[in-house]
Protein backbone atom coordinates (compact mmCIF):
# COMPACT_ATOMS: atom_id res chain seq x y z
CA MET A 1 4.20 -36.64 -3.15
CA ILE A 2 0.54 -35.82 -3.60
CA GLN A 3 -1.45 -37.98 -6.01
CA ILE A 4 -5.06 -37.23 -6.88
CA ILE A 5 -7.41 -39.01 -9.26
CA SER A 6 -10.95 -37.81 -9.90
CA ASN A 7 -13.49 -38.24 -12.66
CA THR A 8 -16.86 -37.15 -13.95
CA GLN A 9 -19.26 -37.89 -16.78
CA ILE A 10 -20.36 -35.04 -19.03
CA TYR A 11 -23.28 -35.42 -21.41
CA ARG A 12 -21.68 -33.51 -24.27
CA PRO A 13 -19.65 -34.57 -27.33
CA ILE A 14 -16.05 -35.48 -26.54
CA ASN A 15 -14.64 -32.84 -28.92
CA ARG A 16 -16.57 -30.05 -27.15
CA VAL A 17 -15.32 -31.20 -23.74
CA PHE A 18 -11.72 -31.57 -24.96
CA ASP A 19 -11.71 -28.16 -26.66
CA PHE A 20 -13.03 -26.46 -23.51
CA ILE A 21 -10.56 -28.18 -21.15
CA SER A 22 -7.54 -27.63 -23.40
CA THR A 23 -8.16 -23.88 -23.83
CA PRO A 24 -6.36 -22.14 -20.94
CA GLU A 25 -8.47 -19.00 -21.36
CA ASN A 26 -11.47 -21.05 -20.09
CA ASP A 27 -9.79 -22.05 -16.82
CA PHE A 28 -11.18 -19.17 -14.76
CA GLN A 29 -14.71 -20.35 -15.59
CA TRP A 30 -14.37 -23.74 -13.92
CA GLN A 31 -11.22 -23.88 -11.79
CA TYR A 32 -11.62 -22.52 -8.28
CA GLY A 33 -9.12 -19.79 -7.44
CA THR A 34 -8.08 -19.16 -11.04
CA LEU A 35 -8.38 -15.51 -12.01
CA ALA A 36 -6.94 -15.71 -15.55
CA SER A 37 -4.98 -18.02 -17.85
CA THR A 38 -3.48 -17.23 -21.23
CA CYS A 39 -1.24 -18.93 -23.77
CA MET A 40 2.16 -17.24 -23.75
CA GLU A 41 2.60 -17.60 -27.50
CA GLY A 42 -0.85 -16.15 -28.16
CA SER A 43 -1.98 -19.30 -29.94
CA THR A 44 -4.25 -22.19 -29.13
CA ALA A 45 -2.97 -24.97 -26.91
CA GLY A 46 -0.83 -27.73 -28.40
CA LEU A 47 2.14 -29.88 -27.48
CA GLY A 48 4.92 -27.66 -26.09
CA THR A 49 2.70 -24.60 -25.68
CA ARG A 50 3.30 -22.62 -22.51
CA PHE A 51 0.61 -20.77 -20.63
CA GLN A 52 0.44 -18.63 -17.53
CA SER A 53 -2.20 -18.79 -14.85
CA THR A 54 -2.89 -16.22 -12.15
CA GLY A 55 -4.88 -17.24 -9.12
CA HIS A 56 -5.06 -17.81 -5.41
CA PHE A 57 -3.25 -20.63 -3.61
CA MET A 58 -3.41 -21.11 0.16
CA GLY A 59 -4.49 -17.51 0.65
CA GLN A 60 -1.81 -15.98 -1.57
CA ARG A 61 -2.02 -14.63 -5.09
CA ILE A 62 0.39 -16.47 -7.37
CA GLN A 63 1.32 -16.63 -11.03
CA ARG A 64 2.38 -19.97 -12.44
CA THR A 65 3.75 -21.05 -15.80
CA PHE A 66 2.85 -24.40 -17.37
CA GLU A 67 3.93 -26.36 -20.44
CA VAL A 68 1.62 -28.69 -22.36
CA THR A 69 3.20 -32.17 -22.33
CA GLU A 70 0.31 -34.27 -23.67
CA TYR A 71 -1.95 -33.25 -26.50
CA GLU A 72 -3.91 -35.90 -28.34
CA PRO A 73 -7.14 -34.27 -29.56
CA ASN A 74 -10.28 -35.67 -27.98
CA HIS A 75 -8.33 -38.09 -25.79
CA HIS A 76 -5.38 -36.72 -23.73
CA TYR A 77 -4.41 -33.30 -22.45
CA GLY A 78 -1.66 -32.79 -19.89
CA PHE A 79 0.71 -30.15 -18.62
CA LYS A 80 3.47 -29.65 -16.07
CA SER A 81 4.25 -26.66 -13.90
CA LEU A 82 7.41 -24.71 -14.59
CA SER A 83 7.03 -22.31 -11.65
CA GLY A 84 5.10 -21.80 -8.44
CA PRO A 85 4.88 -23.41 -5.00
CA LEU A 86 4.05 -26.86 -6.42
CA LEU A 87 5.94 -28.98 -8.90
CA SER A 88 2.96 -30.64 -10.59
CA PHE A 89 1.85 -32.73 -13.52
CA THR A 90 -1.83 -32.66 -14.49
CA SER A 91 -3.41 -35.01 -17.01
CA TYR A 92 -6.92 -35.30 -18.42
CA THR A 93 -8.03 -38.45 -20.21
CA LEU A 94 -11.30 -38.43 -22.12
CA ASP A 95 -13.26 -41.43 -23.39
CA ILE A 96 -16.75 -42.01 -24.77
CA VAL A 97 -18.76 -44.27 -22.45
CA LYS A 98 -22.43 -45.11 -23.11
CA GLY A 99 -23.24 -41.80 -24.77
CA TYR A 100 -21.36 -39.45 -22.47
CA THR A 101 -17.80 -38.17 -22.17
CA GLN A 102 -15.87 -39.71 -19.28
CA VAL A 103 -13.26 -37.24 -17.95
CA LYS A 104 -10.49 -38.60 -15.72
CA LEU A 105 -8.25 -36.10 -13.96
CA SER A 106 -4.90 -37.23 -12.58
CA ILE A 107 -2.51 -34.98 -10.65
CA GLN A 108 0.90 -35.58 -9.15
CA ALA A 109 2.42 -32.77 -7.11
CA ASN A 110 5.36 -32.05 -4.84
CA ILE A 111 5.51 -29.08 -2.52
CA ILE A 112 8.42 -26.71 -3.16
CA ASN A 113 9.09 -23.28 -1.70
CA MET A 114 6.64 -23.92 1.16
CA LEU A 115 8.49 -26.11 3.65
CA ASP A 116 6.14 -25.39 6.56
CA LEU A 117 3.02 -26.64 4.71
CA ASN A 118 1.54 -29.97 5.84
CA GLU A 119 1.34 -32.22 2.77
CA LYS A 120 -1.62 -34.27 4.07
CA VAL A 121 -3.69 -31.14 4.78
CA LEU A 122 -2.86 -29.76 1.33
CA GLU A 123 -3.73 -33.06 -0.36
CA LYS A 124 -7.14 -33.14 1.34
CA LYS A 125 -7.89 -29.55 0.25
CA MET A 126 -6.71 -30.25 -3.30
CA LYS A 127 -8.87 -33.38 -3.60
CA ARG A 128 -11.95 -31.40 -2.61
CA GLN A 129 -11.04 -28.52 -4.93
CA PHE A 130 -10.55 -30.73 -7.99
CA LYS A 131 -13.76 -32.63 -7.30
CA ASP A 132 -15.57 -29.27 -7.15
CA ASP A 133 -13.78 -28.10 -10.33
CA LEU A 134 -14.99 -31.15 -12.27
CA SER A 135 -18.50 -30.61 -10.96
CA MET A 136 -18.40 -26.99 -12.17
CA LEU A 137 -17.01 -28.11 -15.54
CA LYS A 138 -19.88 -30.58 -15.91
CA ASN A 139 -22.42 -27.91 -15.00
CA ILE A 140 -21.00 -25.33 -17.43
CA LEU A 141 -20.86 -27.73 -20.37
CA GLU A 142 -24.21 -29.42 -19.78
CA VAL A 143 -26.30 -26.43 -18.72
CA GLY A 144 -24.47 -23.33 -19.90
């Protein structure tokens, strides 16, 4: 099992950060390899909402489906994968700390459908990717 924890501080109001993170249509702006994400029901994200994401993973184009499993405005946002090469659970926790929004990202993943993939190599690549994603998120929300 792959477990990743990463965090960043964003100097923007917590509600702005939460709204941006919890809107799948924004994913392509700050998540490396994501080409597009959309809610399947055509509505905004909420508990039980499903969304699809198209992107690149390990050199291949894939489409994955996710379901929102945690949705507490301005505090928790989480989702699990329903398809794709990884069985994953992703969770964002937001808190206000000394005038900025603290964003903690936690991911648990198991490789499926890719038996020849080295889990340690994948974990190292994923850690770097998610660190870069949070850095891009910070940049977009603070500068852009």
